[in-house]
Amino acid sequence: MLQSTRRHILYFDFALSPYPSDAQPIPLRDLLPSLEERANKGEAVQFIDNERRVIRLSHLKRGKSASGKDAVAMLFCLGDQDKADPGFTNFQSGKIRIPEKEDGEIGGLSVHAIVELDPTTPGGHIYRMLYEDVTGFGRTLMQNFLRGEFRIIADELGITFKREGKRELKTRPLVEMTGHASDTLKESLKEGRLLHVELISYVEQDFGFDEARYIKSARQDMSLSIGKGLPSGEALSIVEKLKVWAKSAGYETMRVRWRDPNMQKPQSASVDTARKDAGEAVFVRSAEVRLNQPLPDICDSMSDELVSKMLSLLD
């Protein structure tokens, strides 16, 4: 559940990979005016999952990052026919109230995202990106949506390239969003409190019944909760010792969860047990922002306060 005055922000690399791969990258600046026009006209809409869900790019706004670089803020909205209805309970009496939806209304979520307009290297195709971490509306949905939008735009603009010895061929950007690796686990655990370690392996299992031959693999987990009494500075040591034991016991992966003292939401990282130094595991860079103006799960307009604070994170 989203908190009204806190938002967890993820750092991503936003790639506009050329397709076909031997084409020249298409600059985001060249595509943005058409994307703005489609959003303003209400045309940036895609129905997915057998029309059970719908994604809209409802608003765009240009701005500048903390370092003075041009950027664009986007507000994505997801409508989901299968999302549970919101409900409210009275703090004192415990009385429950569930608002009645009007005809055509469905549950929804919003995500604010920001992308810098110039690539990280001159002539490149990778851009810095931030977006809200909202359960149920993550990377894959946004990536596929923007991939579809840019394909439409490239076709409408008639963008082509000339392959050597051949005629002009159509090209388009292929959107790829990947987490921007940041701090190492070693640095994070210096200040954070270790909460939980999960050991994971996929094994062949004899279930003792005929139908078991249709089961290709079984996931085997061991969940370890870490007490609050762990001495300061010992978190990484216990992770290293658990990694060695997990490898000898046949576990392939361990997922480590901890809480940074400056963030309310726990952090997590996956570590390959074969890795020599678990402390060198990297994870997606993140930040937490606090808002003065509460935000609902779905917004009908862009939050200037959230956009401003997200832009300030693009140092």
Protein backbone atom coordinates (compact mmCIF):
# COMPACT_ATOMS: atom_id res chain seq x y z
CA MET A 1 0.00 0.00 0.00
CA LEU A 2 1.33 3.43 -0.93
CA GLN A 3 1.86 5.98 1.82
CA SER A 4 0.30 9.34 1.08
CA THR A 5 3.33 11.47 2.02
CA ARG A 6 6.21 9.14 1.10
CA ARG A 7 7.36 7.88 -2.26
CA HIS A 8 10.14 5.40 -2.97
CA ILE A 9 12.13 6.40 -6.09
CA LEU A 10 14.17 4.03 -8.26
CA TYR A 11 17.10 4.97 -10.52
CA PHE A 12 17.04 3.34 -13.96
CA ASP A 13 18.90 3.46 -17.26
CA PHE A 14 16.46 4.24 -20.07
CA ALA A 15 17.82 2.89 -23.36
CA LEU A 16 16.49 3.75 -26.83
CA SER A 17 18.31 0.93 -28.57
CA PRO A 18 18.17 1.22 -32.38
CA TYR A 19 16.14 -1.41 -34.21
CA PRO A 20 17.47 -2.95 -36.40
CA SER A 21 20.71 -2.93 -34.44
CA ASP A 22 22.78 -1.48 -37.31
CA ALA A 23 20.61 1.65 -37.51
CA GLN A 24 21.57 4.95 -35.93
CA PRO A 25 20.04 5.76 -32.51
CA ILE A 26 17.05 8.12 -32.66
CA PRO A 27 17.49 10.96 -30.13
CA LEU A 28 14.79 11.25 -27.48
CA ARG A 29 14.53 14.98 -28.27
CA ASP A 30 13.37 14.07 -31.80
CA LEU A 31 10.60 11.81 -30.50
CA LEU A 32 9.37 13.91 -27.59
CA PRO A 33 7.23 16.46 -29.52
CA SER A 34 5.17 13.64 -31.04
CA LEU A 35 4.83 11.92 -27.67
CA GLU A 36 3.64 15.20 -26.13
CA GLU A 37 1.12 15.65 -28.92
CA ARG A 38 -0.26 12.13 -28.48
CA ALA A 39 -0.61 12.65 -24.72
CA ASN A 40 -2.30 16.05 -25.12
CA LYS A 41 -4.79 14.59 -27.60
CA GLY A 42 -5.52 11.62 -25.35
CA GLU A 43 -4.11 9.21 -27.93
CA ALA A 44 -1.30 7.77 -25.78
CA VAL A 45 -3.49 4.89 -24.59
CA GLN A 46 -2.98 1.12 -24.75
CA PHE A 47 -5.34 -1.67 -23.71
CA ILE A 48 -3.58 -4.80 -22.46
CA ASP A 49 -4.32 -8.21 -20.93
CA ASN A 50 -7.40 -8.89 -23.07
CA GLU A 51 -8.59 -5.34 -22.33
CA ARG A 52 -8.72 -6.01 -18.61
CA ARG A 53 -6.22 -3.17 -18.05
CA VAL A 54 -5.48 0.15 -19.73
CA ILE A 55 -2.40 2.38 -19.56
CA ARG A 56 -2.42 6.11 -20.34
CA LEU A 57 0.31 8.68 -20.54
CA SER A 58 -1.84 11.48 -19.19
CA HIS A 59 0.60 14.37 -18.66
CA LEU A 60 4.10 15.52 -19.65
CA LYS A 61 6.04 18.45 -18.28
CA ARG A 62 9.53 19.69 -19.13
CA GLY A 63 11.97 20.74 -16.43
CA LYS A 64 15.62 20.76 -15.40
CA SER A 65 17.57 18.44 -13.13
CA ALA A 66 19.63 19.62 -10.16
CA SER A 67 22.66 19.77 -12.47
CA GLY A 68 20.79 21.96 -14.97
CA LYS A 69 20.13 19.27 -17.58
CA ASP A 70 16.89 19.24 -19.57
CA ALA A 71 14.42 16.55 -18.52
CA VAL A 72 10.81 15.54 -19.04
CA ALA A 73 8.40 14.42 -16.32
CA MET A 74 5.64 11.98 -17.23
CA LEU A 75 2.54 10.80 -15.40
CA PHE A 76 1.38 7.29 -16.26
CA CYS A 77 -2.02 6.00 -15.15
CA LEU A 78 -3.09 2.37 -15.00
CA GLY A 79 -6.72 1.27 -14.93
CA ASP A 80 -7.28 -2.31 -13.77
CA GLN A 81 -10.66 -4.04 -13.83
CA ASP A 82 -9.39 -6.64 -11.36
CA LYS A 83 -8.05 -4.19 -8.76
CA ALA A 84 -9.83 -4.44 -5.41
CA ASP A 85 -12.14 -1.56 -4.47
CA PRO A 86 -10.69 0.96 -2.01
CA GLY A 87 -12.12 0.98 1.49
CA PHE A 88 -11.94 3.21 4.56
CA THR A 89 -12.22 2.52 8.27
CA ASN A 90 -13.05 5.03 10.99
CA PHE A 91 -10.03 5.43 13.26
CA GLN A 92 -12.14 5.58 16.44
CA SER A 93 -15.20 3.42 15.79
CA GLY A 94 -13.80 0.93 13.29
CA LYS A 95 -16.78 1.44 10.99
CA ILE A 96 -16.03 0.41 7.39
CA ARG A 97 -17.02 2.44 4.31
CA ILE A 98 -16.49 1.29 0.73
CA PRO A 99 -17.25 4.01 -1.87
CA GLU A 100 -19.55 2.96 -4.69
CA LYS A 101 -18.01 3.15 -8.15
CA GLU A 102 -19.82 4.89 -10.97
CA ASP A 103 -20.48 3.24 -14.33
CA GLY A 104 -17.27 2.62 -16.25
CA GLU A 105 -14.97 3.28 -13.28
CA ILE A 106 -12.23 0.79 -12.34
CA GLY A 107 -9.38 0.72 -9.84
CA GLY A 108 -6.24 2.59 -10.76
CA LEU A 109 -2.63 3.49 -9.98
CA SER A 110 -0.32 6.32 -11.05
CA VAL A 111 3.43 6.53 -11.53
CA HIS A 112 5.52 9.68 -11.96
CA ALA A 113 8.67 9.23 -14.05
CA ILE A 114 11.47 11.55 -15.15
CA VAL A 115 13.91 11.07 -18.04
CA GLU A 116 16.80 13.36 -18.95
CA LEU A 117 16.63 14.51 -22.58
CA ASP A 118 20.30 14.04 -23.43
CA PRO A 119 22.07 10.66 -23.34
CA THR A 120 24.71 9.92 -20.74
CA THR A 121 27.38 9.94 -23.47
CA PRO A 122 27.38 12.12 -26.62
CA GLY A 123 25.74 10.29 -29.51
CA GLY A 124 24.67 7.44 -27.23
CA HIS A 125 21.22 6.01 -26.61
CA ILE A 126 21.11 5.55 -22.80
CA TYR A 127 19.40 8.18 -20.65
CA ARG A 128 19.07 8.62 -16.90
CA MET A 129 15.63 7.88 -15.51
CA LEU A 130 13.77 7.98 -12.20
CA TYR A 131 10.35 6.59 -11.41
CA GLU A 132 8.12 5.82 -8.46
CA ASP A 133 8.26 2.30 -7.10
CA VAL A 134 4.55 1.37 -7.18
CA THR A 135 3.58 -2.26 -6.63
CA GLY A 136 1.43 -3.41 -9.53
CA PHE A 137 2.71 -0.77 -11.97
CA GLY A 138 6.39 -1.39 -12.55
CA ARG A 139 9.15 -1.46 -15.10
CA THR A 140 7.73 -3.99 -17.55
CA LEU A 141 4.40 -2.20 -18.02
CA MET A 142 6.07 1.17 -18.62
CA GLN A 143 8.75 -0.30 -20.87
CA ASN A 144 6.24 -2.09 -23.09
CA PHE A 145 3.95 0.94 -23.20
CA LEU A 146 6.71 3.33 -24.31
CA ARG A 147 8.04 0.77 -26.75
CA GLY A 148 4.62 0.71 -28.40
CA GLU A 149 4.28 4.50 -28.40
CA PHE A 150 7.68 5.06 -30.01
CA ARG A 151 6.94 2.44 -32.64
CA ILE A 152 3.78 4.32 -33.62
CA ILE A 153 5.66 7.64 -33.65
CA ALA A 154 8.56 6.29 -35.73
CA ASP A 155 6.09 4.92 -38.30
CA GLU A 156 4.15 8.20 -38.43
CA LEU A 157 7.37 10.21 -38.85
CA GLY A 158 8.60 7.82 -41.53
CA ILE A 159 11.99 7.40 -39.87
CA THR A 160 14.35 5.27 -41.98
CA PHE A 161 18.03 4.43 -42.36
CA LYS A 162 20.04 3.23 -45.33
CA ARG A 163 21.73 -0.12 -44.95
CA GLU A 164 24.88 -0.40 -47.03
CA GLY A 165 24.05 -1.57 -50.55
CA LYS A 166 20.31 -1.65 -49.88
CA ARG A 167 17.29 0.61 -49.98
CA GLU A 168 15.96 2.74 -47.13
CA LEU A 169 14.64 0.62 -44.26
CA LYS A 170 12.29 1.52 -41.42
CA THR A 171 13.83 1.96 -37.99
CA ARG A 172 12.49 2.62 -34.51
CA PRO A 173 13.80 2.80 -30.94
CA LEU A 174 13.50 -0.33 -28.82
CA VAL A 175 12.92 0.82 -25.23
CA GLU A 176 14.84 -1.07 -22.55
CA MET A 177 14.69 -0.10 -18.87
CA THR A 178 17.32 -1.57 -16.56
CA GLY A 179 18.08 -0.82 -12.94
CA HIS A 180 20.97 1.55 -12.38
CA ALA A 181 23.47 -0.27 -10.16
CA SER A 182 24.50 1.82 -7.20
CA ASP A 183 25.96 1.24 -3.76
CA THR A 184 27.49 -2.09 -2.84
CA LEU A 185 25.93 -4.28 -0.20
CA LYS A 186 29.07 -3.73 1.88
CA GLU A 187 28.55 0.03 2.10
CA SER A 188 24.81 -0.23 2.76
CA LEU A 189 25.16 -2.68 5.64
CA LYS A 190 27.61 -0.40 7.44
CA GLU A 191 24.71 1.80 8.55
CA GLY A 192 21.63 -0.31 7.83
CA ARG A 193 20.12 -3.04 10.02
CA LEU A 194 20.07 -6.58 8.64
CA LEU A 195 16.50 -7.90 8.69
CA HIS A 196 16.18 -11.11 6.78
CA VAL A 197 18.06 -13.57 4.58
CA GLU A 198 16.36 -15.98 2.18
CA LEU A 199 18.28 -18.91 0.67
CA ILE A 200 17.00 -20.22 -2.67
CA SER A 201 17.78 -23.22 -4.88
CA TYR A 202 16.04 -25.08 -7.69
CA VAL A 203 16.33 -28.84 -7.26
CA GLU A 204 15.17 -32.09 -8.78
CA GLN A 205 12.71 -33.58 -6.35
CA ASP A 206 11.21 -37.05 -6.06
CA PHE A 207 7.66 -36.45 -4.85
CA GLY A 208 6.79 -40.13 -4.74
CA PHE A 209 3.77 -40.06 -7.06
CA ASP A 210 3.38 -40.73 -10.79
CA GLU A 211 2.40 -37.22 -11.81
CA ALA A 212 5.67 -35.87 -10.39
CA ARG A 213 7.33 -36.57 -13.74
CA TYR A 214 5.47 -33.51 -15.13
CA ILE A 215 7.11 -31.24 -12.56
CA LYS A 216 10.35 -29.94 -14.07
CA SER A 217 11.88 -28.33 -11.00
CA ALA A 218 11.09 -27.37 -7.44
CA ARG A 219 12.12 -24.20 -5.62
CA GLN A 220 13.58 -24.83 -2.18
CA ASP A 221 13.71 -21.90 0.23
CA MET A 222 15.09 -21.32 3.69
CA SER A 223 13.97 -18.15 5.43
CA LEU A 224 16.17 -16.67 8.18
CA SER A 225 15.01 -13.76 10.36
CA ILE A 226 17.76 -11.69 11.98
CA GLY A 227 17.28 -10.45 15.56
CA LYS A 228 17.66 -6.83 16.57
CA GLY A 229 20.50 -7.75 18.92
CA LEU A 230 23.04 -8.31 16.15
CA PRO A 231 26.07 -6.16 17.13
CA SER A 232 26.83 -3.12 15.02
CA GLY A 233 29.21 -3.90 12.17
CA GLU A 234 28.51 -7.65 12.24
CA ALA A 235 25.85 -7.67 9.48
CA LEU A 236 28.25 -8.17 6.58
CA SER A 237 30.18 -10.82 8.50
CA ILE A 238 27.06 -12.91 9.08
CA VAL A 239 26.07 -12.51 5.41
CA GLU A 240 29.49 -13.78 4.32
CA LYS A 241 29.30 -16.77 6.69
CA LEU A 242 25.75 -17.60 5.54
CA LYS A 243 26.87 -17.40 1.91
CA VAL A 244 29.62 -19.96 2.50
CA TRP A 245 27.22 -22.30 4.31
CA ALA A 246 24.48 -21.81 1.70
CA LYS A 247 26.86 -22.72 -1.13
CA SER A 248 27.96 -25.91 0.65
CA ALA A 249 24.31 -26.81 1.27
CA GLY A 250 23.40 -26.47 -2.42
CA TYR A 251 21.68 -23.07 -2.36
CA GLU A 252 22.40 -21.02 -5.47
CA THR A 253 21.07 -17.60 -4.47
CA MET A 254 20.54 -15.62 -1.31
CA ARG A 255 18.33 -12.56 -1.00
CA VAL A 256 19.36 -10.10 1.69
CA ARG A 257 16.96 -7.55 3.18
CA TRP A 258 17.98 -4.65 5.40
CA ARG A 259 16.71 -1.24 6.47
CA ASP A 260 18.70 1.91 5.80
CA PRO A 261 18.45 4.36 8.75
CA ASN A 262 17.37 7.16 6.38
CA MET A 263 14.64 5.19 4.61
CA GLN A 264 11.44 3.61 5.85
CA LYS A 265 11.14 0.97 3.13
CA PRO A 266 13.48 -2.04 3.49
CA GLN A 267 16.11 -2.57 0.80
CA SER A 268 17.03 -5.91 -0.78
CA ALA A 269 19.73 -7.43 -2.98
CA SER A 270 20.28 -10.84 -4.54
CA VAL A 271 23.68 -12.45 -4.07
CA ASP A 272 25.02 -15.43 -6.02
CA THR A 273 26.44 -17.83 -3.42
CA ALA A 274 29.33 -18.56 -5.80
CA ARG A 275 30.41 -14.90 -5.61
CA LYS A 276 33.76 -14.59 -3.84
CA ASP A 277 32.83 -11.42 -1.94
CA ALA A 278 29.13 -11.03 -1.09
CA GLY A 279 29.78 -7.46 -0.05
CA GLU A 280 30.42 -6.48 -3.66
CA ALA A 281 26.86 -7.34 -4.74
CA VAL A 282 25.15 -4.33 -6.31
CA PHE A 283 21.53 -3.32 -6.33
CA VAL A 284 19.28 -0.74 -7.92
CA ARG A 285 19.94 2.73 -6.57
CA SER A 286 16.97 4.18 -4.74
CA ALA A 287 15.86 7.15 -2.67
CA GLU A 288 12.90 8.09 -0.52
CA VAL A 289 11.15 11.45 -0.71
CA ARG A 290 8.72 12.95 1.79
CA LEU A 291 5.86 15.13 0.63
CA ASN A 292 3.95 17.96 2.27
CA GLN A 293 0.91 17.41 0.05
CA PRO A 294 -0.53 13.87 0.34
CA LEU A 295 -0.93 11.89 -2.88
CA PRO A 296 -3.61 9.27 -3.63
CA ASP A 297 -2.95 5.94 -5.37
CA ILE A 298 -4.01 7.48 -8.69
CA CYS A 299 -3.59 11.15 -9.64
CA ASP A 300 -5.62 13.17 -12.12
CA SER A 301 -2.77 15.68 -12.48
CA MET A 302 0.98 15.71 -12.02
CA SER A 303 2.34 16.47 -8.55
CA ASP A 304 4.60 19.51 -8.92
CA GLU A 305 6.05 18.82 -5.47
CA LEU A 306 7.00 15.24 -6.29
CA VAL A 307 8.39 16.19 -9.71
CA SER A 308 10.51 18.93 -8.13
CA LYS A 309 11.95 16.55 -5.54
CA MET A 310 12.62 13.88 -8.16
CA LEU A 311 14.43 16.41 -10.36
CA SER A 312 16.59 17.33 -7.38
CA LEU A 313 17.71 13.68 -7.18
CA LEU A 314 19.19 13.85 -10.69
CA ASP A 315 22.55 15.21 -9.58
